C-alpha cells in the first residue's frame, strides 16, 4: 500500500471519527470543535484529490466562517439543557432503518457506477473555479436557490429563537387595560416618569 493511499485512509478515518463526535458530544462547544476538525480533514482530502480550490473554500467558508457563527450562537443563546419531548421509539426505529437503507442503496449505486461507467478524471476541471461556477449556476441552479431559501429560513428562525421577551414601553391599549383593572380592584398602578419611578398603592 502506497503512502498517499494510507494517508487518505487515515484522514478519512479521522473525518468519520470527528463526525461521530459532533453528533454524540453532550457539550455544544465540543461539538463545534469536532466540526472544525472535520472540516479541516475534508479540506485535506480535497487537496489530496488535486482540488485545491475546493480545499480553500472548505477552510475559508466552513472552517473559518460557519464554525465561528456556530460558536457565536452558542455564546449568545447559552448551552443550558432544554427540556424536549421524547418521540415514540417505534417511529424513531423506523426512521433510522429507512435512512440506513437509503444510505446503503446510495453507496451500492456509487460503487456499481464506478465499475459500469468508467469516466476519465479531469483534474483541471475539478479544481478550477470557472468550471465549478459554470456547473453550479447552470446545471444545479435550482439546488442553489433551494439552499439559499433554506439558509434564509434558518437565519429567521435563529433570530426568533434568540430574541428575548419584550421589555420596551407599553402600548396605550396595555396601559388602558391596566388602569381599568386597577380601578376595578381599588388600587393605583405604578407609573414611570422621565427621572423616577413612583409606586403608589391604595390604603
Protein backbone atom coordinates (compact mmCIF):
# COMPACT_ATOMS: atom_id res chain seq x y z
CA UNK A 1 0.00 0.00 0.00
CA UNK A 2 1.42 3.36 -1.05
CA UNK A 3 1.82 6.29 1.30
CA UNK A 4 -0.80 8.52 -0.41
CA UNK A 5 -3.46 5.82 -0.08
CA UNK A 6 -2.52 5.17 3.56
CA UNK A 7 -2.62 8.90 4.28
CA UNK A 8 -6.03 9.18 2.63
CA UNK A 9 -7.37 6.29 4.73
CA UNK A 10 -6.06 7.82 7.95
CA UNK A 11 -7.55 11.22 7.17
CA UNK A 12 -10.84 9.58 6.19
CA UNK A 13 -10.94 7.65 9.47
CA UNK A 14 -10.28 10.87 11.39
CA UNK A 15 -13.05 12.59 9.45
CA UNK A 16 -15.54 9.84 10.33
CA UNK A 17 -14.46 9.89 13.99
CA UNK A 18 -14.92 13.65 14.27
CA UNK A 19 -18.31 13.44 12.54
CA UNK A 20 -19.41 10.90 15.16
CA UNK A 21 -18.07 13.23 17.84
CA UNK A 22 -20.21 16.09 16.50
CA UNK A 23 -23.47 14.20 16.95
CA UNK A 24 -22.53 12.29 20.12
CA UNK A 25 -20.95 15.02 22.24
CA UNK A 26 -23.10 16.39 25.07
CA UNK A 27 -21.41 19.80 25.11
CA UNK A 28 -22.19 22.18 22.21
CA UNK A 29 -18.69 23.66 22.38
CA UNK A 30 -17.14 20.22 21.98
CA UNK A 31 -19.43 19.51 19.02
CA UNK A 32 -18.33 22.75 17.37
CA UNK A 33 -14.65 21.86 17.85
CA UNK A 34 -15.24 18.38 16.42
CA UNK A 35 -16.96 20.04 13.46
CA UNK A 36 -13.97 22.31 12.93
CA UNK A 37 -11.59 19.35 12.80
CA UNK A 38 -13.98 17.55 10.45
CA UNK A 39 -13.97 20.47 8.02
CA UNK A 40 -10.17 20.59 8.09
CA UNK A 41 -9.90 16.87 7.33
CA UNK A 42 -12.25 17.32 4.38
CA UNK A 43 -10.03 20.13 3.10
CA UNK A 44 -7.00 17.83 3.36
CA UNK A 45 -8.86 15.18 1.35
CA UNK A 46 -9.69 17.77 -1.32
CA UNK A 47 -6.00 18.68 -1.59
CA UNK A 48 -5.08 15.02 -1.98
CA UNK A 49 -7.61 14.81 -4.83
CA UNK A 50 -5.98 17.78 -6.62
CA UNK A 51 -8.94 20.09 -5.89
CA UNK A 52 -7.13 22.99 -4.28
CA UNK A 53 -9.92 25.48 -4.89
CA UNK A 54 -12.46 23.32 -3.05
CA UNK A 55 -9.98 22.92 -0.19
CA UNK A 56 -9.57 26.69 0.08
CA UNK A 57 -13.35 27.19 0.05
CA UNK A 58 -13.72 24.50 2.70
CA UNK A 59 -11.26 26.23 5.02
CA UNK A 60 -12.36 29.83 4.40
CA UNK A 61 -16.14 29.40 4.39
CA UNK A 62 -16.80 26.35 6.54
CA UNK A 63 -13.89 26.16 8.99
CA UNK A 64 -13.41 29.92 9.15
CA UNK A 65 -16.99 31.14 8.86
CA UNK A 66 -19.62 28.55 9.71
CA UNK A 67 -17.87 27.27 12.84
CA UNK A 68 -17.34 30.83 14.11
CA UNK A 69 -21.03 31.55 13.52
CA UNK A 70 -21.99 28.42 15.47
CA UNK A 71 -19.72 29.48 18.35
CA UNK A 72 -21.34 32.93 18.41
CA UNK A 73 -24.80 31.33 18.54
CA UNK A 74 -23.72 29.08 21.41
CA UNK A 75 -22.33 32.05 23.34
CA UNK A 76 -25.43 34.19 22.77
CA UNK A 77 -28.06 31.54 23.48
CA UNK A 78 -26.16 29.62 26.14
CA UNK A 79 -25.66 25.90 26.47
CA UNK A 80 -28.09 25.06 29.27
CA UNK A 81 -30.21 21.96 28.98
CA UNK A 82 -33.58 22.48 27.32
CA UNK A 83 -36.39 20.01 28.07
CA UNK A 84 -37.53 18.21 24.95
CA UNK A 85 -40.41 15.90 24.29
CA UNK A 86 -39.32 12.35 23.59
CA UNK A 87 -40.65 10.84 20.40
CA UNK A 88 -42.08 7.38 20.07
CA UNK A 89 -39.26 4.84 19.94
CA UNK A 90 -41.04 2.78 17.28
CA UNK A 91 -41.17 5.72 14.87
CA UNK A 92 -37.53 6.53 15.62
CA UNK A 93 -36.52 2.95 14.82
CA UNK A 94 -38.46 3.01 11.54
CA UNK A 95 -36.90 6.35 10.56
CA UNK A 96 -33.40 5.11 11.41
CA UNK A 97 -33.95 1.92 9.42
CA UNK A 98 -35.21 3.88 6.42
CA UNK A 99 -32.25 6.26 6.49
CA UNK A 100 -29.84 3.35 6.84
CA UNK A 101 -31.35 1.59 3.82
CA UNK A 102 -31.18 4.82 1.81
CA UNK A 103 -27.51 5.30 2.65
CA UNK A 104 -26.74 1.66 1.82
CA UNK A 105 -28.52 1.99 -1.55
CA UNK A 106 -26.60 5.20 -2.31
CA UNK A 107 -23.25 3.56 -1.51
CA UNK A 108 -24.14 0.50 -3.57
CA UNK A 109 -25.11 2.66 -6.54
CA UNK A 110 -21.88 4.66 -6.31
CA UNK A 111 -19.76 1.50 -6.24
CA UNK A 112 -21.66 -0.02 -9.17
CA UNK A 113 -21.37 3.20 -11.15
CA UNK A 114 -17.60 3.12 -10.78
CA UNK A 115 -17.47 -0.29 -12.47
CA UNK A 116 -20.24 0.21 -15.04
CA UNK A 117 -19.42 3.75 -16.16
CA UNK A 118 -15.71 4.36 -16.44
CA UNK A 119 -15.09 8.10 -16.63
CA UNK A 120 -11.83 9.82 -17.35
CA UNK A 121 -10.72 12.00 -14.43
CA UNK A 122 -10.47 15.69 -15.20
CA UNK A 123 -8.21 17.17 -12.56
CA UNK A 124 -8.08 20.65 -14.03
CA UNK A 125 -11.85 20.96 -14.29
CA UNK A 126 -12.30 19.62 -10.77
CA UNK A 127 -10.13 22.30 -9.25
CA UNK A 128 -10.84 25.30 -11.48
CA UNK A 129 -13.20 27.99 -10.14
CA UNK A 130 -14.60 28.70 -13.61
CA UNK A 131 -15.67 25.10 -14.21
CA UNK A 132 -17.21 24.83 -10.74
CA UNK A 133 -19.10 28.10 -11.12
CA UNK A 134 -20.46 27.18 -14.55
CA UNK A 135 -21.61 23.79 -13.26
CA UNK A 136 -23.27 25.16 -10.13
CA UNK A 137 -25.12 28.05 -11.76
CA UNK A 138 -26.25 26.24 -14.91
CA UNK A 139 -26.93 22.60 -14.15
CA UNK A 140 -27.57 22.90 -10.41
CA UNK A 141 -29.12 26.38 -10.25
CA UNK A 142 -32.38 25.03 -8.75
CA UNK A 143 -30.50 23.32 -5.93
CA UNK A 144 -28.52 26.52 -5.27
CA UNK A 145 -31.75 28.54 -4.97
CA UNK A 146 -33.30 25.95 -2.64
CA UNK A 147 -30.23 26.03 -0.40
CA UNK A 148 -30.38 29.85 -0.34
CA UNK A 149 -34.04 29.74 0.76
CA UNK A 150 -33.18 27.15 3.41
CA UNK A 151 -30.40 29.36 4.78
CA UNK A 152 -32.76 32.34 4.87
CA UNK A 153 -35.36 30.35 6.81
CA UNK A 154 -32.67 29.14 9.23
CA UNK A 155 -31.48 32.72 9.77
CA UNK A 156 -35.02 33.93 10.52
CA UNK A 157 -35.56 31.01 12.89
CA UNK A 158 -32.31 31.77 14.72
CA UNK A 159 -33.36 35.40 15.15
CA UNK A 160 -36.73 34.36 16.55
CA UNK A 161 -35.10 31.92 18.98
CA UNK A 162 -32.50 34.42 20.16
CA UNK A 163 -34.99 37.25 20.66
CA UNK A 164 -35.89 37.65 24.31
CA UNK A 165 -39.13 38.91 25.84
CA UNK A 166 -40.12 42.46 25.02
CA UNK A 167 -39.14 44.91 27.77
CA UNK A 168 -39.82 48.19 25.99
CA UNK A 169 -42.52 50.77 26.78
CA UNK A 170 -46.08 49.53 26.91
CA UNK A 171 -48.64 50.50 24.33
CA UNK A 172 -51.63 52.70 25.04
CA UNK A 173 -54.02 49.77 24.93
CA UNK A 174 -51.96 47.87 27.51
CA UNK A 175 -51.82 50.89 29.84
CA UNK A 176 -55.57 51.47 29.49
CA UNK A 177 -56.28 47.82 30.33
CA UNK A 178 -54.07 48.02 33.42
CA UNK A 179 -55.83 51.21 34.55
CA UNK A 180 -59.22 49.55 34.23
CA UNK A 181 -58.05 46.54 36.24
CA UNK A 182 -56.59 48.83 38.93
CA UNK A 183 -59.81 50.87 39.15
CA UNK A 184 -61.86 47.71 39.47
CA UNK A 185 -59.58 46.47 42.27
CA UNK A 186 -59.48 49.85 44.02
CA UNK A 187 -55.73 50.29 43.65
CA UNK A 188 -53.44 52.53 41.65
CA UNK A 189 -50.85 51.20 39.24
CA UNK A 190 -47.17 52.17 39.22
CA UNK A 191 -46.11 54.66 36.61
CA UNK A 192 -42.75 55.74 35.24
CA UNK A 193 -41.80 59.34 34.58
CA UNK A 194 -38.64 60.65 32.97
CA UNK A 195 -36.49 60.50 36.12
CA UNK A 196 -38.02 58.40 38.87
CA UNK A 197 -40.43 55.55 39.35
CA UNK A 198 -43.28 56.26 41.74
CA UNK A 199 -45.07 53.33 43.33
CA UNK A 200 -48.47 54.08 44.79
CA UNK A 201 -50.97 51.78 46.42
CA UNK A 202 -54.40 52.34 47.91
CA UNK A 203 -54.71 52.47 51.65
